[in-house]
Amino acid sequence: MRGFIALVPVVFLLSVGLLIQSKAISKPQSKIVLQAATSVRPSITPTMIPSPTSLPTLTPTLSPSPSVEPSVEIHSGLIDQINSIREARSLPLLEPKSEVCAFADLRAQEIAQNFSHDGFESRRDHGGLPYPSFTQVVENIAMTGNPVGVWMTSQTHEANLMSALPYGCVGQNGLFSVFEGWMP
């Protein structure tokens, strides 16, 4: 087909200043390019469709915040992948503690709106994390169907996954994934 350009699915990965984004190419293939970090903010343009029998009326409504009730079972697949790698390296396995999973779920919803570590860093720096105390906390974020595989290709992300944390969990919201790790 003449003039056809296929777009490779976009893969974003962000941790400590990295963003991986695929490029538009002429043939479908996987190619990842490292670039400086930027925020990705999806925009939504409202469209009014007038009713033939009445004038359109805009009524403001409040949408409730999404309920975040994590289930360790939902998170176990990705934690199992991470723990398999940790076990092969003779590292202790991560335990998916409920407060870590709830925070990972919340962050997965947040990064769908603002793909950055801003929410994590702000909470960490101003005492807003859901933990009573911490000696270490880490976060990896990604926009891909294979977050663990992509994180393991980045030295910084891999270090977060393999650090001496007792607790960790991965939250997901569509293609958005967040790994949260906590050491009391």
Protein backbone atom coordinates (compact mmCIF):
# COMPACT_ATOMS: atom_id res chain seq x y z
CA MET A 1 0.00 0.00 0.00
CA ARG A 2 1.59 3.26 -1.10
CA GLY A 3 2.18 5.91 1.58
CA PHE A 4 1.18 3.59 4.46
CA ILE A 5 2.95 4.18 7.75
CA ALA A 6 2.41 1.72 10.58
CA LEU A 7 2.73 2.96 14.14
CA VAL A 8 4.42 0.64 16.57
CA PRO A 9 2.52 0.47 19.88
CA VAL A 10 3.88 3.15 22.14
CA VAL A 11 5.87 1.92 25.13
CA PHE A 12 6.68 4.36 27.88
CA LEU A 13 8.97 3.61 30.80
CA LEU A 14 9.90 6.11 33.45
CA SER A 15 12.11 5.92 36.50
CA VAL A 16 14.72 8.38 37.66
CA GLY A 17 14.63 10.41 34.46
CA LEU A 18 14.13 7.82 31.71
CA LEU A 19 11.41 7.65 29.08
CA ILE A 20 11.34 4.96 26.44
CA GLN A 21 9.14 5.65 23.45
CA SER A 22 8.82 3.81 20.17
CA LYS A 23 9.03 5.74 16.89
CA ALA A 24 6.73 5.77 13.86
CA ILE A 25 8.32 3.49 11.25
CA SER A 26 7.48 2.37 7.76
CA LYS A 27 7.27 -1.35 8.60
CA PRO A 28 5.89 -2.83 11.85
CA GLN A 29 8.85 -3.78 14.03
CA SER A 30 9.97 -3.24 17.61
CA LYS A 31 12.41 -0.40 18.16
CA ILE A 32 12.92 1.38 21.47
CA VAL A 33 14.66 4.73 21.81
CA LEU A 34 15.79 6.34 25.08
CA GLN A 35 14.86 9.99 25.47
CA ALA A 36 14.80 12.56 28.25
CA ALA A 37 11.77 12.27 30.53
CA THR A 38 8.65 14.27 29.81
CA SER A 39 5.13 14.16 31.15
CA VAL A 40 2.44 12.72 28.94
CA ARG A 41 -0.93 14.28 29.58
CA PRO A 42 -3.83 12.92 27.55
CA SER A 43 -6.32 15.58 26.59
CA ILE A 44 -10.05 15.12 26.30
CA THR A 45 -12.15 17.47 24.20
CA PRO A 46 -15.84 17.43 25.22
CA THR A 47 -18.35 17.32 22.39
CA MET A 48 -21.96 18.44 22.81
CA ILE A 49 -24.60 16.73 20.70
CA PRO A 50 -27.77 18.83 20.64
CA SER A 51 -31.06 17.11 21.15
CA PRO A 52 -33.58 17.81 18.38
CA THR A 53 -36.38 18.48 20.93
CA SER A 54 -34.54 20.65 23.46
CA LEU A 55 -31.54 22.88 23.98
CA PRO A 56 -28.43 21.15 25.32
CA THR A 57 -28.00 21.56 29.05
CA LEU A 58 -24.69 21.13 30.82
CA THR A 59 -25.14 19.85 34.34
CA PRO A 60 -21.98 19.63 36.46
CA THR A 61 -21.62 16.34 38.25
CA LEU A 62 -18.99 15.06 40.59
CA SER A 63 -17.47 11.75 39.72
CA PRO A 64 -16.48 9.72 42.75
CA SER A 65 -12.82 8.85 43.07
CA PRO A 66 -12.14 5.35 41.80
CA SER A 67 -12.37 2.84 44.60
CA VAL A 68 -9.05 1.20 45.29
CA GLU A 69 -9.49 -2.15 46.94
CA PRO A 70 -6.50 -4.25 46.03
CA SER A 71 -6.57 -7.98 45.92
CA VAL A 72 -3.28 -9.75 46.47
CA GLU A 73 -4.53 -12.37 43.99
CA ILE A 74 -4.83 -9.74 41.21
CA HIS A 75 -1.25 -8.63 41.79
CA SER A 76 0.29 -12.07 42.21
CA GLY A 77 1.08 -12.68 38.51
CA LEU A 78 3.49 -9.76 38.17
CA ILE A 79 4.91 -10.20 41.68
CA ASP A 80 5.44 -13.89 40.81
CA GLN A 81 7.49 -12.80 37.76
CA ILE A 82 9.58 -10.45 39.90
CA ASN A 83 9.98 -13.04 42.66
CA SER A 84 11.11 -15.70 40.15
CA ILE A 85 13.95 -13.40 39.12
CA ARG A 86 14.75 -12.55 42.76
CA GLU A 87 14.77 -16.25 43.68
CA ALA A 88 17.15 -17.06 40.81
CA ARG A 89 19.49 -14.42 42.25
CA SER A 90 19.16 -15.79 45.80
CA LEU A 91 17.30 -12.68 46.98
CA PRO A 92 14.40 -12.76 49.45
CA LEU A 93 10.96 -12.81 47.87
CA LEU A 94 8.73 -9.73 47.96
CA GLU A 95 5.57 -9.92 50.04
CA PRO A 96 2.57 -8.10 48.48
CA LYS A 97 1.39 -6.27 51.63
CA SER A 98 -2.08 -4.68 51.41
CA GLU A 99 -1.01 -1.04 51.97
CA VAL A 100 1.68 -1.36 49.29
CA CYS A 101 -0.82 -2.88 46.83
CA ALA A 102 -3.42 -0.18 47.57
CA PHE A 103 -0.81 2.51 46.92
CA ALA A 104 0.35 0.79 43.70
CA ASP A 105 -3.28 0.66 42.50
CA LEU A 106 -3.80 4.34 43.31
CA ARG A 107 -0.59 5.33 41.51
CA ALA A 108 -1.59 3.25 38.44
CA GLN A 109 -4.75 5.35 38.21
CA GLU A 110 -2.79 8.58 38.71
CA ILE A 111 -0.17 7.86 36.02
CA ALA A 112 -2.92 7.25 33.47
CA GLN A 113 -3.60 11.02 33.87
CA ASN A 114 -0.04 12.23 34.48
CA PHE A 115 2.71 9.80 33.45
CA SER A 116 5.32 10.85 35.97
CA HIS A 117 6.67 10.14 39.44
CA ASP A 118 5.21 13.44 40.73
CA GLY A 119 2.57 11.83 42.96
CA PHE A 120 5.09 9.42 44.49
CA GLU A 121 7.84 12.01 44.98
CA SER A 122 5.46 14.57 46.49
CA ARG A 123 4.12 12.04 49.00
CA ARG A 124 7.62 10.78 49.79
CA ASP A 125 9.00 14.29 50.33
CA HIS A 126 6.04 15.60 52.35
CA GLY A 127 5.09 12.62 54.53
CA GLY A 128 2.09 11.49 52.48
CA LEU A 129 3.03 7.84 51.89
CA PRO A 130 0.60 5.24 53.29
CA TYR A 131 3.33 3.67 55.46
CA PRO A 132 3.90 4.40 59.15
CA SER A 133 7.62 4.86 58.44
CA PHE A 134 10.21 3.83 55.88
CA THR A 135 13.92 3.40 55.39
CA GLN A 136 13.53 2.85 51.64
CA VAL A 137 10.71 3.31 49.12
CA VAL A 138 10.96 2.84 45.35
CA GLU A 139 8.69 3.23 42.35
CA ASN A 140 8.84 2.05 38.74
CA ILE A 141 6.21 3.09 36.20
CA ALA A 142 5.58 1.84 32.68
CA MET A 143 3.05 1.96 29.88
CA THR A 144 3.35 -1.44 28.26
CA GLY A 145 1.80 -4.89 28.31
CA ASN A 146 5.03 -6.37 29.69
CA PRO A 147 6.16 -4.11 32.53
CA VAL A 148 8.47 -6.58 34.29
CA GLY A 149 10.27 -7.49 31.05
CA VAL A 150 10.74 -3.82 30.16
CA TRP A 151 11.85 -2.83 33.68
CA MET A 152 14.48 -5.58 33.61
CA THR A 153 16.08 -3.95 30.54
CA SER A 154 16.80 -0.76 32.50
CA GLN A 155 19.57 -0.72 35.10
CA THR A 156 17.71 1.71 37.39
CA HIS A 157 14.39 -0.14 37.20
CA GLU A 158 16.09 -3.51 37.70
CA ALA A 159 17.91 -2.14 40.78
CA ASN A 160 14.55 -1.07 42.25
CA LEU A 161 13.05 -4.53 41.66
CA MET A 162 16.10 -6.32 43.07
CA SER A 163 16.73 -4.05 46.09
CA ALA A 164 16.55 -5.45 49.63
CA LEU A 165 12.86 -4.63 50.07
CA PRO A 166 10.60 -6.98 52.02
CA TYR A 167 7.36 -5.61 50.51
CA GLY A 168 6.39 -4.85 46.93
CA CYS A 169 3.37 -4.79 44.68
CA VAL A 170 2.41 -3.92 41.09
CA GLY A 171 -0.74 -1.97 40.35
CA GLN A 172 -2.23 -1.83 36.86
CA ASN A 173 -4.67 0.37 35.00
CA GLY A 174 -4.90 -0.82 31.40
CA LEU A 175 -1.37 -0.57 29.98
CA PHE A 176 -0.21 1.60 32.90
CA SER A 177 1.75 -0.32 35.55
CA VAL A 178 3.35 0.79 38.80
CA PHE A 179 5.75 -1.13 41.03
CA GLU A 180 5.86 0.16 44.60
CA GLY A 181 8.43 -1.17 47.04
CA TRP A 182 8.66 -0.48 50.77
CA MET A 183 11.17 -1.20 53.51
CA PRO A 184 10.00 -0.13 57.01
